[in-house]
Amino acid sequence: MFGRGRLILLLLTLVVTLNLGRMAVQESYDGPGALRVTRNVVIPPGGTATVAAALHRAGVIEYPLIFEMAAWLTRGQGPLQAGEYTFVAHGSLRRVLHTLRFGPAVQHKATIPDGLTATQIADIINALPRATGHVAPPPEGSVLPQTYDYIYDASRKAILARMQRAMRKALAKAWAGRAPGLPLDTPRQAVILASIVQLETPVASELPRIAGVYENRLKQNMKLQADPTVIYAVTKGRATALTHRVDDHDLAVDSPYNTYLHHGLPPGPIAAPGVRAIEAVLHPAATKDLYFVANGAGGHMFARTFSEQLANIARYRASRVRHP
């Protein structure tokens, strides 16, 4: 009889405890949470206890046991996901669980500016936070410059592969819509010329005209004489600028990329051109210009004849004397 009474008491105690626990969970479920400021938190793979511990360390929840009970009582809504998520300040337990089950992972940004070399691009990718692994410099000109999203623990090789797929897609689309009569036989030649045009000017509106100059030169079998190709040869693709102005010593560098020594396009791209540069070489300006020189204000002066080019050079030098 005594044993039966103890069992009943034990069962009653258990029921009361469970009810109290359920009431505590219900009371905490929609109330304000412990997190003081919105923050991103990495949730490692593992069971509910592992998730609760990570949230507690980050200050998202105050009582791990209540979180575990709430997760168990709502388990029919789906599993808790590992990854990096944004938890809002004072978010309720309901909202925390919803974030872990259905919330989007935090998106990080990888920005590749126009006109970088493969070595520079690899340096950017290898410095990306929250990504894993290491990449070697990709083939020159194989990456499309733009901003890409990636999530925590993303593979840097996978990020690079996406950048290269984007270039293939953009190039195929641009090549299919190219203007007729271009002195370019393949998409690769378009990328090669676009990489030169990209590095010649920071002024987007000038890209088609500079492309027109170089394509006029190709049609007339003139040397391109493009300074960016000399810089690529001198630096072996590690930079797009020199610490000094291109001089006679640089122009004499024996390299197939030196377009002052060799006719036609160099053997490969010298940087990663953006979409606007690619479109410029596939839709160049209708011009008879064969020359251009810096105007001292970030843009260029264009000329049809060498005598006009010499006059523009004299004007540029005079402007540098007036405004050194």
C-alpha atoms as a PDB file:
ATOM      1  CA  MET A   1       0.000   0.000   0.000  1.00  0.00           C
ATOM      2  CA  PHE A   2       2.814   2.356   0.912  1.00  0.00           C
ATOM      3  CA  GLY A   3       4.648   1.505  -2.314  1.00  0.00           C
ATOM      4  CA  ARG A   4       1.537   2.287  -4.347  1.00  0.00           C
ATOM      5  CA  GLY A   5       1.176   5.661  -2.600  1.00  0.00           C
ATOM      6  CA  ARG A   6       4.764   6.581  -3.348  1.00  0.00           C
ATOM      7  CA  LEU A   7       4.256   5.670  -7.000  1.00  0.00           C
ATOM      8  CA  ILE A   8       1.141   7.841  -7.217  1.00  0.00           C
ATOM      9  CA  LEU A   9       3.006  10.720  -5.550  1.00  0.00           C
ATOM     10  CA  LEU A  10       5.905  10.276  -7.946  1.00  0.00           C
ATOM     11  CA  LEU A  11       3.578  10.303 -10.935  1.00  0.00           C
ATOM     12  CA  LEU A  12       1.790  13.404  -9.651  1.00  0.00           C
ATOM     13  CA  THR A  13       5.141  15.135  -9.121  1.00  0.00           C
ATOM     14  CA  LEU A  14       6.185  14.215 -12.655  1.00  0.00           C
ATOM     15  CA  VAL A  15       2.937  15.538 -14.107  1.00  0.00           C
ATOM     16  CA  VAL A  16       3.230  18.781 -12.162  1.00  0.00           C
ATOM     17  CA  THR A  17       6.875  19.168 -13.250  1.00  0.00           C
ATOM     18  CA  LEU A  18       6.001  18.577 -16.903  1.00  0.00           C
ATOM     19  CA  ASN A  19       3.128  21.030 -16.698  1.00  0.00           C
ATOM     20  CA  LEU A  20       5.325  23.615 -15.051  1.00  0.00           C
ATOM     21  CA  GLY A  21       7.955  23.053 -17.723  1.00  0.00           C
ATOM     22  CA  ARG A  22       5.348  23.378 -20.465  1.00  0.00           C
ATOM     23  CA  MET A  23       4.036  26.571 -18.850  1.00  0.00           C
ATOM     24  CA  ALA A  24       7.567  27.976 -18.641  1.00  0.00           C
ATOM     25  CA  VAL A  25       8.163  27.176 -22.309  1.00  0.00           C
ATOM     26  CA  GLN A  26       4.822  28.685 -23.315  1.00  0.00           C
ATOM     27  CA  GLU A  27       5.510  31.806 -21.281  1.00  0.00           C
ATOM     28  CA  SER A  28       8.956  32.207 -22.898  1.00  0.00           C
ATOM     29  CA  TYR A  29       7.861  31.203 -26.390  1.00  0.00           C
ATOM     30  CA  ASP A  30       6.449  34.560 -27.485  1.00  0.00           C
ATOM     31  CA  GLY A  31       8.134  36.827 -24.954  1.00  0.00           C
ATOM     32  CA  PRO A  32      11.145  39.044 -25.699  1.00  0.00           C
ATOM     33  CA  GLY A  33      14.425  37.181 -25.951  1.00  0.00           C
ATOM     34  CA  ALA A  34      17.749  37.799 -24.242  1.00  0.00           C
ATOM     35  CA  LEU A  35      19.721  39.119 -27.243  1.00  0.00           C
ATOM     36  CA  ARG A  36      20.485  42.812 -26.796  1.00  0.00           C
ATOM     37  CA  VAL A  37      21.537  43.673 -30.360  1.00  0.00           C
ATOM     38  CA  THR A  38      20.913  42.002 -33.700  1.00  0.00           C
ATOM     39  CA  ARG A  39      23.858  39.807 -34.662  1.00  0.00           C
ATOM     40  CA  ASN A  40      24.961  36.965 -36.902  1.00  0.00           C
ATOM     41  CA  VAL A  41      25.665  33.646 -35.205  1.00  0.00           C
ATOM     42  CA  VAL A  42      27.246  30.496 -36.603  1.00  0.00           C
ATOM     43  CA  ILE A  43      25.291  27.373 -35.618  1.00  0.00           C
ATOM     44  CA  PRO A  44      27.474  24.242 -35.781  1.00  0.00           C
ATOM     45  CA  PRO A  45      26.160  20.865 -36.928  1.00  0.00           C
ATOM     46  CA  GLY A  46      24.852  18.705 -34.108  1.00  0.00           C
ATOM     47  CA  GLY A  47      21.853  17.945 -31.957  1.00  0.00           C
ATOM     48  CA  THR A  48      19.516  20.305 -30.151  1.00  0.00           C
ATOM     49  CA  ALA A  49      21.844  20.564 -27.157  1.00  0.00           C
ATOM     50  CA  THR A  50      24.693  21.678 -29.430  1.00  0.00           C
ATOM     51  CA  VAL A  51      22.471  24.321 -31.005  1.00  0.00           C
ATOM     52  CA  ALA A  52      21.274  25.502 -27.598  1.00  0.00           C
ATOM     53  CA  ALA A  53      24.850  25.823 -26.344  1.00  0.00           C
ATOM     54  CA  ALA A  54      25.850  27.934 -29.372  1.00  0.00           C
ATOM     55  CA  LEU A  55      22.848  30.201 -28.933  1.00  0.00           C
ATOM     56  CA  HIS A  56      23.520  30.573 -25.204  1.00  0.00           C
ATOM     57  CA  ARG A  57      27.176  31.487 -25.794  1.00  0.00           C
ATOM     58  CA  ALA A  58      26.078  34.127 -28.309  1.00  0.00           C
ATOM     59  CA  GLY A  59      23.530  35.582 -25.905  1.00  0.00           C
ATOM     60  CA  VAL A  60      20.547  34.714 -28.105  1.00  0.00           C
ATOM     61  CA  ILE A  61      18.869  32.609 -25.396  1.00  0.00           C
ATOM     62  CA  GLU A  62      19.123  32.679 -21.617  1.00  0.00           C
ATOM     63  CA  TYR A  63      17.991  29.157 -20.704  1.00  0.00           C
ATOM     64  CA  PRO A  64      19.256  26.324 -22.941  1.00  0.00           C
ATOM     65  CA  LEU A  65      16.941  23.757 -21.320  1.00  0.00           C
ATOM     66  CA  ILE A  66      13.825  25.788 -22.108  1.00  0.00           C
ATOM     67  CA  PHE A  67      15.074  26.167 -25.697  1.00  0.00           C
ATOM     68  CA  GLU A  68      15.546  22.400 -25.967  1.00  0.00           C
ATOM     69  CA  MET A  69      12.046  21.780 -24.615  1.00  0.00           C
ATOM     70  CA  ALA A  70      10.561  24.280 -27.066  1.00  0.00           C
ATOM     71  CA  ALA A  71      12.449  22.689 -29.946  1.00  0.00           C
ATOM     72  CA  TRP A  72      11.174  19.250 -28.917  1.00  0.00           C
ATOM     73  CA  LEU A  73       7.558  20.405 -28.504  1.00  0.00           C
ATOM     74  CA  THR A  74       7.637  22.021 -31.976  1.00  0.00           C
ATOM     75  CA  ARG A  75       9.709  19.305 -33.648  1.00  0.00           C
ATOM     76  CA  GLY A  76       6.928  18.691 -36.152  1.00  0.00           C
ATOM     77  CA  GLN A  77       7.740  22.021 -37.787  1.00  0.00           C
ATOM     78  CA  GLY A  78      11.077  20.717 -39.066  1.00  0.00           C
ATOM     79  CA  PRO A  79      14.711  20.148 -38.074  1.00  0.00           C
ATOM     80  CA  LEU A  80      17.076  22.862 -36.892  1.00  0.00           C
ATOM     81  CA  GLN A  81      19.607  23.839 -39.550  1.00  0.00           C
ATOM     82  CA  ALA A  82      23.325  24.459 -39.126  1.00  0.00           C
ATOM     83  CA  GLY A  83      24.847  27.557 -40.724  1.00  0.00           C
ATOM     84  CA  GLU A  84      25.150  31.280 -40.132  1.00  0.00           C
ATOM     85  CA  TYR A  85      21.939  33.160 -39.362  1.00  0.00           C
ATOM     86  CA  THR A  86      20.874  36.640 -38.312  1.00  0.00           C
ATOM     87  CA  PHE A  87      19.092  36.795 -34.963  1.00  0.00           C
ATOM     88  CA  VAL A  88      17.224  40.006 -34.208  1.00  0.00           C
ATOM     89  CA  ALA A  89      17.510  41.857 -30.904  1.00  0.00           C
ATOM     90  CA  HIS A  90      15.081  40.535 -28.279  1.00  0.00           C
ATOM     91  CA  GLY A  91      13.707  37.989 -30.724  1.00  0.00           C
ATOM     92  CA  SER A  92      11.273  35.563 -29.115  1.00  0.00           C
ATOM     93  CA  LEU A  93      11.895  31.841 -28.807  1.00  0.00           C
ATOM     94  CA  ARG A  94       9.331  31.334 -31.544  1.00  0.00           C
ATOM     95  CA  ARG A  95      11.297  33.626 -33.858  1.00  0.00           C
ATOM     96  CA  VAL A  96      14.639  32.007 -32.983  1.00  0.00           C
ATOM     97  CA  LEU A  97      13.260  28.556 -33.851  1.00  0.00           C
ATOM     98  CA  HIS A  98      11.674  29.864 -37.049  1.00  0.00           C
ATOM     99  CA  THR A  99      15.017  31.375 -38.073  1.00  0.00           C
ATOM    100  CA  LEU A 100      16.806  28.066 -37.459  1.00  0.00           C
ATOM    101  CA  ARG A 101      14.232  26.123 -39.456  1.00  0.00           C
ATOM    102  CA  PHE A 102      13.292  28.447 -42.289  1.00  0.00           C
ATOM    103  CA  GLY A 103      15.441  31.558 -42.159  1.00  0.00           C
ATOM    104  CA  PRO A 104      17.851  32.379 -45.000  1.00  0.00           C
ATOM    105  CA  ALA A 105      21.539  31.928 -44.300  1.00  0.00           C
ATOM    106  CA  VAL A 106      23.630  35.091 -44.002  1.00  0.00           C
ATOM    107  CA  GLN A 107      24.892  36.202 -47.413  1.00  0.00           C
ATOM    108  CA  HIS A 108      28.457  37.488 -47.652  1.00  0.00           C
ATOM    109  CA  LYS A 109      29.749  39.525 -50.596  1.00  0.00           C
ATOM    110  CA  ALA A 110      32.692  38.820 -52.895  1.00  0.00           C
ATOM    111  CA  THR A 111      33.383  41.783 -55.176  1.00  0.00           C
ATOM    112  CA  ILE A 112      35.697  41.491 -58.169  1.00  0.00           C
ATOM    113  CA  PRO A 113      36.332  44.926 -59.726  1.00  0.00           C
ATOM    114  CA  ASP A 114      36.782  45.316 -63.478  1.00  0.00           C
ATOM    115  CA  GLY A 115      40.282  44.960 -64.852  1.00  0.00           C
ATOM    116  CA  LEU A 116      42.087  42.832 -62.266  1.00  0.00           C
ATOM    117  CA  THR A 117      44.645  40.207 -63.179  1.00  0.00           C
ATOM    118  CA  ALA A 118      44.159  36.554 -62.276  1.00  0.00           C
ATOM    119  CA  THR A 119      46.699  36.871 -59.463  1.00  0.00           C
ATOM    120  CA  GLN A 120      44.835  39.827 -57.969  1.00  0.00           C
ATOM    121  CA  ILE A 121      41.519  37.984 -58.246  1.00  0.00           C
ATOM    122  CA  ALA A 122      42.932  34.917 -56.482  1.00  0.00           C
ATOM    123  CA  ASP A 123      44.201  37.176 -53.684  1.00  0.00           C
ATOM    124  CA  ILE A 124      40.686  38.583 -53.182  1.00  0.00           C
ATOM    125  CA  ILE A 125      39.058  35.146 -53.146  1.00  0.00           C
ATOM    126  CA  ASN A 126      41.621  33.716 -50.742  1.00  0.00           C
ATOM    127  CA  ALA A 127      41.010  36.625 -48.342  1.00  0.00           C
ATOM    128  CA  LEU A 128      37.217  36.161 -48.250  1.00  0.00           C
ATOM    129  CA  PRO A 129      35.991  35.755 -44.667  1.00  0.00           C
ATOM    130  CA  ARG A 130      33.812  32.795 -43.710  1.00  0.00           C
ATOM    131  CA  ALA A 131      34.930  30.837 -46.811  1.00  0.00           C
ATOM    132  CA  THR A 132      37.109  27.715 -46.870  1.00  0.00           C
ATOM    133  CA  GLY A 133      39.952  26.333 -48.939  1.00  0.00           C
ATOM    134  CA  HIS A 134      42.428  27.994 -51.250  1.00  0.00           C
ATOM    135  CA  VAL A 135      42.490  28.791 -54.978  1.00  0.00           C
ATOM    136  CA  ALA A 136      45.324  29.277 -57.435  1.00  0.00           C
ATOM    137  CA  PRO A 137      45.138  32.106 -59.979  1.00  0.00           C
ATOM    138  CA  PRO A 138      42.587  31.085 -62.623  1.00  0.00           C
ATOM    139  CA  PRO A 139      43.214  31.420 -66.365  1.00  0.00           C
ATOM    140  CA  GLU A 140      43.535  35.098 -67.215  1.00  0.00           C
ATOM    141  CA  GLY A 141      40.256  36.678 -68.249  1.00  0.00           C
ATOM    142  CA  SER A 142      38.127  33.706 -67.166  1.00  0.00           C
ATOM    143  CA  VAL A 143      36.315  35.518 -64.313  1.00  0.00           C
ATOM    144  CA  LEU A 144      33.444  37.969 -64.761  1.00  0.00           C
ATOM    145  CA  PRO A 145      33.961  41.034 -62.549  1.00  0.00           C
ATOM    146  CA  GLN A 146      30.890  41.708 -60.400  1.00  0.00           C
ATOM    147  CA  THR A 147      29.632  41.070 -56.856  1.00  0.00           C
ATOM    148  CA  TYR A 148      28.780  37.518 -55.815  1.00  0.00           C
ATOM    149  CA  ASP A 149      26.938  36.245 -52.738  1.00  0.00           C
ATOM    150  CA  TYR A 150      28.196  33.299 -50.709  1.00  0.00           C
ATOM    151  CA  ILE A 151      27.326  31.712 -47.384  1.00  0.00           C
ATOM    152  CA  TYR A 152      29.349  30.659 -44.353  1.00  0.00           C
ATOM    153  CA  ASP A 153      31.746  27.764 -44.979  1.00  0.00           C
ATOM    154  CA  ALA A 154      31.418  28.080 -48.772  1.00  0.00           C
ATOM    155  CA  SER A 155      34.304  26.598 -50.725  1.00  0.00           C
ATOM    156  CA  ARG A 156      36.526  29.205 -52.371  1.00  0.00           C
ATOM    157  CA  LYS A 157      36.924  26.849 -55.318  1.00  0.00           C
ATOM    158  CA  ALA A 158      33.138  26.755 -55.693  1.00  0.00           C
ATOM    159  CA  ILE A 159      32.975  30.563 -55.526  1.00  0.00           C
ATOM    160  CA  LEU A 160      35.636  30.828 -58.236  1.00  0.00           C
ATOM    161  CA  ALA A 161      33.789  28.286 -60.383  1.00  0.00           C
ATOM    162  CA  ARG A 162      30.627  30.427 -60.180  1.00  0.00           C
ATOM    163  CA  MET A 163      32.611  33.473 -61.298  1.00  0.00           C
ATOM    164  CA  GLN A 164      33.951  31.554 -64.278  1.00  0.00           C
ATOM    165  CA  ARG A 165      30.509  30.224 -65.221  1.00  0.00           C
ATOM    166  CA  ALA A 166      29.216  33.798 -65.106  1.00  0.00           C
ATOM    167  CA  MET A 167      31.917  34.874 -67.563  1.00  0.00           C
ATOM    168  CA  ARG A 168      31.165  32.021 -69.964  1.00  0.00           C
ATOM    169  CA  LYS A 169      27.456  32.858 -69.887  1.00  0.00           C
ATOM    170  CA  ALA A 170      27.948  36.623 -70.312  1.00  0.00           C
ATOM    171  CA  LEU A 171      30.485  36.147 -73.101  1.00  0.00           C
ATOM    172  CA  ALA A 172      28.292  33.695 -75.013  1.00  0.00           C
ATOM    173  CA  LYS A 173      25.363  36.110 -74.852  1.00  0.00           C
ATOM    174  CA  ALA A 174      27.471  39.109 -75.918  1.00  0.00           C
ATOM    175  CA  TRP A 175      29.179  37.207 -78.736  1.00  0.00           C
ATOM    176  CA  ALA A 176      25.841  36.016 -80.120  1.00  0.00           C
ATOM    177  CA  GLY A 177      24.688  39.635 -80.427  1.00  0.00           C
ATOM    178  CA  ARG A 178      27.929  41.079 -81.821  1.00  0.00           C
ATOM    179  CA  ALA A 179      28.014  43.645 -84.600  1.00  0.00           C
ATOM    180  CA  PRO A 180      28.989  42.459 -88.091  1.00  0.00           C
ATOM    181  CA  GLY A 181      32.381  43.098 -89.672  1.00  0.00           C
ATOM    182  CA  LEU A 182      34.534  42.881 -86.556  1.00  0.00           C
ATOM    183  CA  PRO A 183      38.224  41.950 -86.875  1.00  0.00           C
ATOM    184  CA  LEU A 184      37.635  39.286 -84.218  1.00  0.00           C
ATOM    185  CA  ASP A 185      37.187  35.624 -85.063  1.00  0.00           C
ATOM    186  CA  THR A 186      36.435  34.050 -81.679  1.00  0.00           C
ATOM    187  CA  PRO A 187      34.970  34.911 -78.267  1.00  0.00           C
ATOM    188  CA  ARG A 188      38.460  34.510 -76.795  1.00  0.00           C
ATOM    189  CA  GLN A 189      39.782  37.230 -79.096  1.00  0.00           C
ATOM    190  CA  ALA A 190      36.951  39.445 -77.868  1.00  0.00           C
ATOM    191  CA  VAL A 191      38.038  38.886 -74.261  1.00  0.00           C
ATOM    192  CA  ILE A 192      41.672  39.595 -75.144  1.00  0.00           C
ATOM    193  CA  LEU A 193      40.830  42.924 -76.763  1.00  0.00           C
ATOM    194  CA  ALA A 194      38.271  43.785 -74.070  1.00  0.00           C
ATOM    195  CA  SER A 195      40.916  43.285 -71.375  1.00  0.00           C
ATOM    196  CA  ILE A 196      43.139  45.857 -73.116  1.00  0.00           C
ATOM    197  CA  VAL A 197      40.289  48.325 -73.628  1.00  0.00           C
ATOM    198  CA  GLN A 198      39.238  47.874 -69.986  1.00  0.00           C
ATOM    199  CA  LEU A 199      42.652  48.944 -68.732  1.00  0.00           C
ATOM    200  CA  GLU A 200      42.972  51.922 -71.062  1.00  0.00           C
ATOM    201  CA  THR A 201      40.338  54.104 -69.449  1.00  0.00           C
ATOM    202  CA  PRO A 202      38.362  54.519 -66.220  1.00  0.00           C
ATOM    203  CA  VAL A 203      35.709  56.404 -68.220  1.00  0.00           C
ATOM    204  CA  ALA A 204      32.965  53.957 -69.217  1.00  0.00           C
ATOM    205  CA  SER A 205      31.681  56.187 -72.019  1.00  0.00           C
ATOM    206  CA  GLU A 206      35.095  56.010 -73.732  1.00  0.00           C
ATOM    207  CA  LEU A 207      35.195  52.215 -73.938  1.00  0.00           C
ATOM    208  CA  PRO A 208      33.443  51.884 -77.351  1.00  0.00           C
ATOM    209  CA  ARG A 209      35.613  54.580 -78.917  1.00  0.00           C
ATOM    210  CA  ILE A 210      38.857  53.079 -77.640  1.00  0.00           C
ATOM    211  CA  ALA A 211      37.629  49.700 -78.885  1.00  0.00           C
ATOM    212  CA  GLY A 212      37.003  51.354 -82.260  1.00  0.00           C
ATOM    213  CA  VAL A 213      40.570  52.690 -82.366  1.00  0.00           C
ATOM    214  CA  TYR A 214      42.093  49.290 -81.701  1.00  0.00           C
ATOM    215  CA  GLU A 215      39.818  47.519 -84.158  1.00  0.00           C
ATOM    216  CA  ASN A 216      40.705  50.078 -86.829  1.00  0.00           C
ATOM    217  CA  ARG A 217      44.348  49.283 -86.147  1.00  0.00           C
ATOM    218  CA  LEU A 218      43.723  45.544 -86.431  1.00  0.00           C
ATOM    219  CA  LYS A 219      41.953  46.022 -89.758  1.00  0.00           C
ATOM    220  CA  GLN A 220      44.907  48.025 -91.089  1.00  0.00           C
ATOM    221  CA  ASN A 221      47.487  45.583 -89.676  1.00  0.00           C
ATOM    222  CA  MET A 222      48.947  48.290 -87.455  1.00  0.00           C
ATOM    223  CA  LYS A 223      50.542  47.389 -84.143  1.00  0.00           C
ATOM    224  CA  LEU A 224      48.193  47.987 -81.234  1.00  0.00           C
ATOM    225  CA  GLN A 225      50.922  49.681 -79.188  1.00  0.00           C
ATOM    226  CA  ALA A 226      48.866  49.358 -76.012  1.00  0.00           C
ATOM    227  CA  ASP A 227      50.653  50.352 -72.804  1.00  0.00           C
ATOM    228  CA  PRO A 228      48.622  47.900 -70.639  1.00  0.00           C
ATOM    229  CA  THR A 229      50.076  44.974 -72.573  1.00  0.00           C
ATOM    230  CA  VAL A 230      53.593  46.257 -71.879  1.00  0.00           C
ATOM    231  CA  ILE A 231      52.772  46.573 -68.181  1.00  0.00           C
ATOM    232  CA  TYR A 232      51.465  42.993 -68.192  1.00  0.00           C
ATOM    233  CA  ALA A 233      54.702  41.820 -69.799  1.00  0.00           C
ATOM    234  CA  VAL A 234      56.898  43.765 -67.366  1.00  0.00           C
ATOM    235  CA  THR A 235      55.033  42.635 -64.227  1.00  0.00           C
ATOM    236  CA  LYS A 236      54.365  39.114 -65.554  1.00  0.00           C
ATOM    237  CA  GLY A 237      50.682  39.586 -64.826  1.00  0.00           C
ATOM    238  CA  ARG A 238      51.063  40.522 -61.181  1.00  0.00           C
ATOM    239  CA  ALA A 239      49.870  44.119 -61.558  1.00  0.00           C
ATOM    240  CA  THR A 240      48.036  46.468 -63.911  1.00  0.00           C
ATOM    241  CA  ALA A 241      50.170  49.539 -63.195  1.00  0.00           C
ATOM    242  CA  LEU A 242      53.824  50.432 -62.801  1.00  0.00           C
ATOM    243  CA  THR A 243      55.394  52.680 -60.197  1.00  0.00           C
ATOM    244  CA  HIS A 244      56.708  54.779 -63.094  1.00  0.00           C
ATOM    245  CA  ARG A 245      55.516  55.848 -66.531  1.00  0.00           C
ATOM    246  CA  VAL A 246      56.072  53.311 -69.296  1.00  0.00           C
ATOM    247  CA  ASP A 247      59.534  54.080 -70.674  1.00  0.00           C
ATOM    248  CA  ASP A 248      61.795  52.921 -73.501  1.00  0.00           C
ATOM    249  CA  HIS A 249      63.209  50.115 -71.360  1.00  0.00           C
ATOM    250  CA  ASP A 250      59.687  48.762 -70.771  1.00  0.00           C
ATOM    251  CA  LEU A 251      58.774  49.093 -74.445  1.00  0.00           C
ATOM    252  CA  ALA A 252      61.767  46.927 -75.353  1.00  0.00           C
ATOM    253  CA  VAL A 253      60.765  43.996 -73.106  1.00  0.00           C
ATOM    254  CA  ASP A 254      60.852  40.834 -75.199  1.00  0.00           C
ATOM    255  CA  SER A 255      57.421  39.298 -74.639  1.00  0.00           C
ATOM    256  CA  PRO A 256      54.625  38.092 -76.913  1.00  0.00           C
ATOM    257  CA  TYR A 257      52.390  40.392 -74.830  1.00  0.00           C
ATOM    258  CA  ASN A 258      54.363  43.475 -75.895  1.00  0.00           C
ATOM    259  CA  THR A 259      52.146  44.958 -78.613  1.00  0.00           C
ATOM    260  CA  TYR A 260      54.800  47.568 -79.399  1.00  0.00           C
ATOM    261  CA  LEU A 261      56.975  44.733 -80.737  1.00  0.00           C
ATOM    262  CA  HIS A 262      54.359  42.378 -82.195  1.00  0.00           C
ATOM    263  CA  HIS A 263      51.436  42.818 -84.552  1.00  0.00           C
ATOM    264  CA  GLY A 264      47.932  41.703 -83.693  1.00  0.00           C
ATOM    265  CA  LEU A 265      46.443  40.683 -80.397  1.00  0.00           C
ATOM    266  CA  PRO A 266      48.596  39.304 -77.576  1.00  0.00           C
ATOM    267  CA  PRO A 267      48.344  35.541 -76.952  1.00  0.00           C
ATOM    268  CA  GLY A 268      45.847  35.926 -74.110  1.00  0.00           C
ATOM    269  CA  PRO A 269      43.874  38.371 -71.979  1.00  0.00           C
ATOM    270  CA  ILE A 270      45.818  40.659 -69.675  1.00  0.00           C
ATOM    271  CA  ALA A 271      43.029  41.134 -67.102  1.00  0.00           C
ATOM    272  CA  ALA A 272      39.375  40.373 -66.426  1.00  0.00           C
ATOM    273  CA  PRO A 273      37.215  42.722 -68.515  1.00  0.00           C
ATOM    274  CA  GLY A 274      33.773  43.743 -67.338  1.00  0.00           C
ATOM    275  CA  VAL A 275      30.584  43.372 -69.363  1.00  0.00           C
ATOM    276  CA  ARG A 276      30.772  46.979 -70.610  1.00  0.00           C
ATOM    277  CA  ALA A 277      34.265  46.442 -72.017  1.00  0.00           C
ATOM    278  CA  ILE A 278      33.180  43.210 -73.712  1.00  0.00           C
ATOM    279  CA  GLU A 279      30.143  44.936 -75.196  1.00  0.00           C
ATOM    280  CA  ALA A 280      32.381  47.802 -76.337  1.00  0.00           C
ATOM    281  CA  VAL A 281      34.633  45.587 -78.445  1.00  0.00           C
ATOM    282  CA  LEU A 282      31.633  43.737 -79.882  1.00  0.00           C
ATOM    283  CA  HIS A 283      29.834  47.040 -80.621  1.00  0.00           C
ATOM    284  CA  PRO A 284      32.666  49.546 -81.163  1.00  0.00           C
ATOM    285  CA  ALA A 285      32.047  53.198 -81.918  1.00  0.00           C
ATOM    286  CA  ALA A 286      31.863  54.071 -85.609  1.00  0.00           C
ATOM    287  CA  THR A 287      35.068  56.075 -85.799  1.00  0.00           C
ATOM    288  CA  LYS A 288      38.059  56.555 -88.082  1.00  0.00           C
ATOM    289  CA  ASP A 289      40.350  57.339 -85.167  1.00  0.00           C
ATOM    290  CA  LEU A 290      43.665  55.497 -85.010  1.00  0.00           C
ATOM    291  CA  TYR A 291      45.248  57.207 -82.014  1.00  0.00           C
ATOM    292  CA  PHE A 292      44.458  58.483 -78.539  1.00  0.00           C
ATOM    293  CA  VAL A 293      46.367  60.049 -75.675  1.00  0.00           C
ATOM    294  CA  ALA A 294      45.477  61.046 -72.124  1.00  0.00           C
ATOM    295  CA  ASN A 295      43.944  64.501 -71.740  1.00  0.00           C
ATOM    296  CA  GLY A 296      45.160  64.999 -68.180  1.00  0.00           C
ATOM    297  CA  ALA A 297      41.642  64.902 -66.735  1.00  0.00           C
ATOM    298  CA  GLY A 298      41.085  61.143 -66.655  1.00  0.00           C
ATOM    299  CA  GLY A 299      39.904  60.837 -70.248  1.00  0.00           C
ATOM    300  CA  HIS A 300      41.528  60.875 -73.665  1.00  0.00           C
ATOM    301  CA  MET A 301      41.970  62.949 -76.833  1.00  0.00           C
ATOM    302  CA  PHE A 302      41.449  61.054 -80.087  1.00  0.00           C
ATOM    303  CA  ALA A 303      43.006  61.539 -83.503  1.00  0.00           C
ATOM    304  CA  ARG A 304      42.696  60.164 -87.034  1.00  0.00           C
ATOM    305  CA  THR A 305      46.210  61.018 -88.173  1.00  0.00           C
ATOM    306  CA  PHE A 306      49.627  60.833 -86.599  1.00  0.00           C
ATOM    307  CA  SER A 307      50.086  64.599 -86.991  1.00  0.00           C
ATOM    308  CA  GLU A 308      46.870  65.147 -85.006  1.00  0.00           C
ATOM    309  CA  GLN A 309      48.181  62.710 -82.396  1.00  0.00           C
ATOM    310  CA  LEU A 310      51.419  64.670 -82.081  1.00  0.00           C
ATOM    311  CA  ALA A 311      49.426  67.872 -81.577  1.00  0.00           C
ATOM    312  CA  ASN A 312      47.342  66.184 -78.867  1.00  0.00           C
ATOM    313  CA  ILE A 313      50.497  64.930 -77.168  1.00  0.00           C
ATOM    314  CA  ALA A 314      51.876  68.480 -77.186  1.00  0.00           C
ATOM    315  CA  ARG A 315      48.643  69.754 -75.622  1.00  0.00           C
ATOM    316  CA  TYR A 316      48.819  67.048 -72.959  1.00  0.00           C
ATOM    317  CA  ARG A 317      52.406  67.896 -72.085  1.00  0.00           C
ATOM    318  CA  ALA A 318      51.590  71.604 -71.954  1.00  0.00           C
ATOM    319  CA  SER A 319      48.734  70.877 -69.548  1.00  0.00           C
ATOM    320  CA  ARG A 320      51.077  68.936 -67.292  1.00  0.00           C
ATOM    321  CA  VAL A 321      53.467  71.918 -67.207  1.00  0.00           C
ATOM    322  CA  ARG A 322      50.570  74.224 -66.234  1.00  0.00           C
ATOM    323  CA  HIS A 323      49.096  71.738 -63.762  1.00  0.00           C
ATOM    324  CA  PRO A 324      51.920  69.390 -62.645  1.00  0.00           C
END
